[in-house]
């Protein structure tokens, strides 16, 4: 979060035991347990899956399948 706070239109909101990322009013990402997840539309989701990125799962009973982990290659 420290690195991202420099982006002027970015704000954080507590959720799922982590933080939701917003650009103005648009919710686009999650920071949870020191991992970054982005919302993935249908057009890009396959690339995340192909790269082996995991879906956001804040608990064993819950997962948000439109949010995938971002990892450096």
Protein backbone atom coordinates (compact mmCIF):
# COMPACT_ATOMS: atom_id res chain seq x y z
CA UNK A 1 0.00 0.00 0.00
CA UNK A 2 2.86 2.36 0.74
CA UNK A 3 3.98 2.19 -2.88
CA UNK A 4 0.46 2.65 -4.25
CA UNK A 5 -0.48 5.61 -2.02
CA UNK A 6 1.42 7.91 -4.37
CA UNK A 7 -1.25 7.47 -7.05
CA UNK A 8 -3.57 10.45 -6.51
CA UNK A 9 -6.85 8.88 -7.68
CA UNK A 10 -6.32 5.66 -5.70
CA UNK A 11 -8.01 4.99 -2.39
CA UNK A 12 -8.24 2.02 -0.05
CA UNK A 13 -11.18 0.61 1.88
CA UNK A 14 -11.04 -2.21 4.42
CA UNK A 15 -12.75 -5.41 3.27
CA UNK A 16 -12.29 -9.21 3.43
CA UNK A 17 -9.64 -8.75 6.12
CA UNK A 18 -7.60 -6.71 3.64
CA UNK A 19 -8.17 -3.65 1.46
CA UNK A 20 -10.26 -2.93 -1.60
CA UNK A 21 -8.61 -0.75 -4.24
CA UNK A 22 -10.61 2.03 -5.84
CA UNK A 23 -9.82 4.48 -8.58
CA UNK A 24 -12.28 7.25 -7.84
CA UNK A 25 -15.48 5.16 -7.37
CA UNK A 26 -14.42 2.13 -9.43
CA UNK A 27 -13.54 -0.98 -7.40
CA UNK A 28 -10.81 -2.83 -9.31
CA UNK A 29 -8.54 -4.74 -6.94
CA UNK A 30 -7.90 -6.29 -3.56
CA UNK A 31 -4.87 -6.50 -1.30
CA UNK A 32 -5.20 -9.51 0.99
CA UNK A 33 -2.49 -11.27 3.01
CA UNK A 34 0.26 -9.32 1.21
CA UNK A 35 -1.07 -10.40 -2.20
CA UNK A 36 -2.55 -8.26 -4.97
CA UNK A 37 -5.64 -9.30 -6.95
CA UNK A 38 -7.14 -7.51 -9.96
CA UNK A 39 -10.65 -7.69 -11.29
CA UNK A 40 -10.44 -9.59 -14.56
CA UNK A 41 -13.00 -9.13 -17.31
CA UNK A 42 -13.80 -12.02 -19.64
CA UNK A 43 -11.33 -10.73 -22.26
CA UNK A 44 -8.30 -10.99 -19.95
CA UNK A 45 -9.29 -13.75 -17.52
CA UNK A 46 -7.87 -16.52 -19.73
CA UNK A 47 -4.41 -14.95 -19.64
CA UNK A 48 -4.45 -15.02 -15.82
CA UNK A 49 -5.61 -18.64 -15.80
CA UNK A 50 -3.02 -19.63 -18.41
CA UNK A 51 -0.29 -18.01 -16.30
CA UNK A 52 -1.42 -20.09 -13.30
CA UNK A 53 -2.71 -17.17 -11.26
CA UNK A 54 -5.04 -18.09 -8.42
CA UNK A 55 -8.55 -16.80 -7.86
CA UNK A 56 -9.21 -14.63 -4.79
CA UNK A 57 -10.43 -16.81 -1.94
CA UNK A 58 -10.67 -14.97 1.39
CA UNK A 59 -11.99 -18.12 3.13
CA UNK A 60 -12.50 -21.80 2.38
CA UNK A 61 -16.20 -21.17 1.74
CA UNK A 62 -15.90 -18.02 -0.36
CA UNK A 63 -14.19 -17.12 -3.61
CA UNK A 64 -14.53 -14.21 -6.01
CA UNK A 65 -13.86 -15.74 -9.41
CA UNK A 66 -13.53 -12.44 -11.22
CA UNK A 67 -10.48 -11.45 -9.13
CA UNK A 68 -7.12 -13.08 -9.87
CA UNK A 69 -3.77 -12.77 -8.16
CA UNK A 70 -1.12 -10.61 -9.81
CA UNK A 71 2.37 -12.10 -9.58
CA UNK A 72 5.59 -10.93 -11.10
CA UNK A 73 6.87 -13.18 -13.85
